[in-house]
Amino acid sequence: MIVTLFGVLIFLDMVLMLIFLKLNRKNISMSQILQTLTEERDLLNSQKQELLNELSSNVSECKSYHDKVKVMATEVDQDLSRCKKILSEEVTGTIEGMRGEIMETVSTLTQKQLGVEALLKKLQQEKTVLQKNIVSAKALASVLGGKSSYEAAIGDLESRKYQDARELIAKGKTAQEVAEDLGLTASEIQTIMEVDAGI
């Protein structure tokens, strides 16, 4: 619209110039020329005023749009802040809930692991006792069957205890644990360890 008005103004200027040139050729009086120029000037001023009014209207409209956009941007910013806060609270709550569940599961698994370890230890002790009983039963059966004397059977059992002690020490058990498992004294275990070490 503004470009069109400028085009019209330029066109009118050219028309005035043409009129002026023609009037000069025909020797029209100065008063007529002045009157024509005055009319053209008034017409140009009128169009200029219309253009200014239209520009002012457009500026007001743009300002109105700008204010509306600014209000909308503020509302969007507030909505984003609310959404961010809600999302943060939900994520934090979910993470805390999952952390509690994981910690509870880990605690349960740890307790079960400790229980299994205790059970394995007890089974190992029972196995050792069972093996000792089997050896003792074999020695007793040998005595009862007349294959060996009572003294020889006792000697074999004692030798077997020392052999078991060496095996348990080799597996990494402490002297105290070996003594408890085999019914020997700590000093006997210590002696076996020194003999094996060549002291």
Protein backbone atom coordinates (compact mmCIF):
# COMPACT_ATOMS: atom_id res chain seq x y z
CA MET A 1 0.00 0.00 0.00
CA ILE A 2 2.79 2.40 0.97
CA VAL A 3 4.80 1.53 -2.14
CA THR A 4 1.69 2.13 -4.25
CA LEU A 5 1.19 5.57 -2.68
CA PHE A 6 4.82 6.50 -3.31
CA GLY A 7 4.41 5.36 -6.91
CA VAL A 8 1.32 7.53 -7.24
CA LEU A 9 3.18 10.53 -5.80
CA ILE A 10 6.05 10.09 -8.23
CA PHE A 11 3.59 9.73 -11.08
CA LEU A 12 1.82 12.96 -10.04
CA ASP A 13 5.17 14.77 -9.89
CA MET A 14 5.90 13.68 -13.44
CA VAL A 15 2.43 14.79 -14.57
CA LEU A 16 3.02 18.21 -12.97
CA MET A 17 6.32 18.54 -14.73
CA LEU A 18 4.70 17.66 -18.06
CA ILE A 19 1.91 20.16 -17.43
CA PHE A 20 4.46 22.78 -16.51
CA LEU A 21 6.41 22.15 -19.73
CA LYS A 22 3.27 22.30 -21.85
CA LEU A 23 2.16 25.50 -20.18
CA ASN A 24 5.49 27.08 -20.87
CA ARG A 25 5.12 26.25 -24.53
CA LYS A 26 1.65 27.76 -24.70
CA ASN A 27 2.63 30.82 -22.69
CA ILE A 28 -0.07 30.42 -20.10
CA SER A 29 -0.13 33.12 -17.51
CA MET A 30 1.77 32.81 -14.26
CA SER A 31 -1.37 32.98 -12.18
CA GLN A 32 -2.80 29.93 -13.88
CA ILE A 33 0.46 28.06 -13.35
CA LEU A 34 0.52 29.04 -9.70
CA GLN A 35 -3.06 28.00 -9.25
CA THR A 36 -2.39 24.64 -10.88
CA LEU A 37 0.73 24.12 -8.75
CA THR A 38 -1.19 25.08 -5.64
CA GLU A 39 -3.90 22.58 -6.43
CA GLU A 40 -1.31 19.90 -7.10
CA ARG A 41 0.50 20.78 -3.86
CA ASP A 42 -2.77 20.57 -1.92
CA LEU A 43 -3.48 17.23 -3.54
CA LEU A 44 0.02 16.00 -2.64
CA ASN A 45 -0.37 17.26 0.95
CA SER A 46 -3.71 15.51 1.20
CA GLN A 47 -2.22 12.26 -0.06
CA LYS A 48 0.77 12.74 2.26
CA GLN A 49 -1.59 13.16 5.22
CA GLU A 50 -3.52 10.05 4.19
CA LEU A 51 -0.23 8.17 3.99
CA LEU A 52 0.83 9.40 7.44
CA ASN A 53 -2.54 8.45 8.89
CA GLU A 54 -2.26 4.98 7.37
CA LEU A 55 1.29 4.61 8.69
CA SER A 56 0.17 5.72 12.15
CA SER A 57 -2.67 3.20 12.03
CA ASN A 58 -0.24 0.47 10.97
CA VAL A 59 2.17 1.41 13.79
CA SER A 60 -0.68 1.25 16.33
CA GLU A 61 -1.75 -2.11 14.98
CA CYS A 62 1.83 -3.43 15.10
CA LYS A 63 2.19 -2.18 18.66
CA SER A 64 -1.05 -3.95 19.59
CA TYR A 65 0.21 -7.18 18.02
CA HIS A 66 3.53 -6.75 19.82
CA ASP A 67 1.77 -6.33 23.17
CA LYS A 68 -0.35 -9.44 22.52
CA VAL A 69 2.71 -11.48 21.56
CA LYS A 70 4.52 -10.27 24.67
CA VAL A 71 1.60 -11.35 26.88
CA MET A 72 1.47 -14.73 25.13
CA ALA A 73 5.24 -15.18 25.56
CA THR A 74 4.91 -14.43 29.28
CA GLU A 75 2.08 -16.97 29.61
CA VAL A 76 4.10 -19.60 27.72
CA ASP A 77 7.11 -18.92 29.95
CA GLN A 78 4.97 -19.34 33.07
CA ASP A 79 3.48 -22.58 31.68
CA LEU A 80 6.95 -23.89 30.92
CA SER A 81 8.10 -23.06 34.46
CA ARG A 82 5.08 -24.89 35.92
CA CYS A 83 5.64 -27.92 33.67
CA LYS A 84 9.34 -27.99 34.56
CA LYS A 85 8.53 -27.91 38.27
CA ILE A 86 5.89 -30.65 37.98
CA LEU A 87 8.21 -32.81 35.85
CA SER A 88 11.09 -32.30 38.29
CA GLU A 89 8.89 -33.32 41.24
CA GLU A 90 7.58 -36.40 39.42
CA VAL A 91 11.07 -37.49 38.30
CA THR A 92 12.48 -36.93 41.80
CA GLY A 93 9.62 -38.93 43.33
CA THR A 94 10.08 -41.76 40.83
CA ILE A 95 13.84 -41.87 41.41
CA GLU A 96 13.38 -41.88 45.19
CA GLY A 97 10.82 -44.68 44.91
CA MET A 98 13.08 -46.73 42.66
CA ARG A 99 16.07 -46.08 44.94
CA GLY A 100 14.06 -47.33 47.94
CA GLU A 101 12.99 -50.46 46.07
CA ILE A 102 16.55 -51.14 44.88
CA MET A 103 17.97 -50.64 48.39
CA GLU A 104 15.34 -52.98 49.81
CA THR A 105 16.12 -55.59 47.14
CA VAL A 106 19.88 -55.25 47.76
CA SER A 107 19.31 -55.62 51.50
CA THR A 108 17.18 -58.74 50.95
CA LEU A 109 19.76 -60.23 48.59
CA THR A 110 22.56 -59.46 51.05
CA GLN A 111 20.67 -61.21 53.84
CA LYS A 112 20.01 -64.21 51.57
CA GLN A 113 23.68 -64.28 50.55
CA LEU A 114 24.76 -64.26 54.19
CA GLY A 115 22.28 -67.05 54.88
CA VAL A 116 23.60 -69.11 51.97
CA GLU A 117 27.21 -68.52 53.07
CA ALA A 118 26.35 -69.61 56.61
CA LEU A 119 24.57 -72.68 55.22
CA LEU A 120 27.56 -73.55 53.01
CA LYS A 121 29.89 -73.21 55.98
CA LYS A 122 27.66 -75.44 58.06
CA LEU A 123 27.45 -77.98 55.22
CA GLN A 124 31.24 -77.96 54.94
CA GLN A 125 31.52 -78.58 58.68
CA GLU A 126 28.96 -81.37 58.44
CA LYS A 127 30.86 -82.86 55.52
CA THR A 128 34.09 -82.80 57.54
CA VAL A 129 32.37 -84.43 60.52
CA LEU A 130 30.81 -87.02 58.22
CA GLN A 131 34.18 -87.81 56.64
CA LYS A 132 35.75 -88.16 60.10
CA ASN A 133 32.92 -90.48 61.15
CA ILE A 134 33.38 -92.57 58.01
CA VAL A 135 37.12 -92.91 58.72
CA SER A 136 36.37 -93.80 62.36
CA ALA A 137 33.74 -96.32 61.25
CA LYS A 138 36.19 -97.93 58.84
CA ALA A 139 38.85 -98.15 61.59
CA LEU A 140 36.27 -99.64 63.99
CA ALA A 141 35.12 -102.10 61.34
CA SER A 142 38.74 -103.10 60.78
CA VAL A 143 39.22 -103.71 64.54
CA LEU A 144 35.95 -105.64 64.81
CA GLY A 145 36.78 -107.68 61.74
CA GLY A 146 40.11 -108.64 63.27
CA LYS A 147 42.11 -107.09 60.46
CA SER A 148 43.98 -104.69 62.77
CA SER A 149 44.53 -104.07 66.47
CA TYR A 150 42.79 -101.40 68.49
CA GLU A 151 46.09 -99.53 68.97
CA ALA A 152 46.78 -99.53 65.21
CA ALA A 153 43.27 -98.21 64.49
CA ILE A 154 43.73 -95.38 67.03
CA GLY A 155 47.10 -94.57 65.46
CA ASP A 156 45.51 -94.44 62.00
CA LEU A 157 42.78 -92.12 63.28
CA GLU A 158 45.32 -89.75 64.84
CA SER A 159 47.38 -89.81 61.63
CA ARG A 160 44.21 -89.06 59.67
CA LYS A 161 43.46 -86.05 61.92
CA TYR A 162 46.90 -84.64 61.22
CA GLN A 163 46.47 -85.24 57.50
CA ASP A 164 43.06 -83.49 57.60
CA ALA A 165 44.66 -80.60 59.50
CA ARG A 166 47.30 -80.21 56.77
CA GLU A 167 44.59 -80.19 54.07
CA LEU A 168 42.49 -77.57 55.89
CA ILE A 169 45.55 -75.36 56.49
CA ALA A 170 46.42 -75.66 52.77
CA LYS A 171 42.87 -74.47 51.95
CA GLY A 172 43.54 -71.27 53.91
CA LYS A 173 41.77 -71.97 57.21
CA THR A 174 43.23 -70.48 60.37
CA ALA A 175 44.78 -72.62 63.11
CA GLN A 176 41.81 -71.84 65.39
CA GLU A 177 39.25 -72.94 62.73
CA VAL A 178 41.18 -76.17 62.05
CA ALA A 179 41.40 -76.92 65.75
CA GLU A 180 37.64 -76.44 66.16
CA ASP A 181 36.83 -78.58 63.10
CA LEU A 182 39.08 -81.53 64.05
CA GLY A 183 38.92 -81.44 67.83
CA LEU A 184 42.65 -80.72 68.18
CA THR A 185 44.32 -78.10 70.33
CA ALA A 186 45.73 -74.90 68.88
CA SER A 187 49.23 -75.98 69.94
CA GLU A 188 48.89 -79.24 67.99
CA ILE A 189 47.87 -77.31 64.89
CA GLN A 190 50.77 -74.91 65.42
CA THR A 191 53.15 -77.88 65.67
CA ILE A 192 51.80 -79.35 62.42
CA MET A 193 52.26 -75.98 60.66
CA GLU A 194 55.85 -75.70 61.95
CA VAL A 195 56.68 -79.26 60.88
CA ASP A 196 55.26 -78.65 57.40
CA ALA A 197 57.19 -75.38 57.17
CA GLY A 198 60.39 -77.20 58.19
CA ILE A 199 61.01 -75.21 61.36
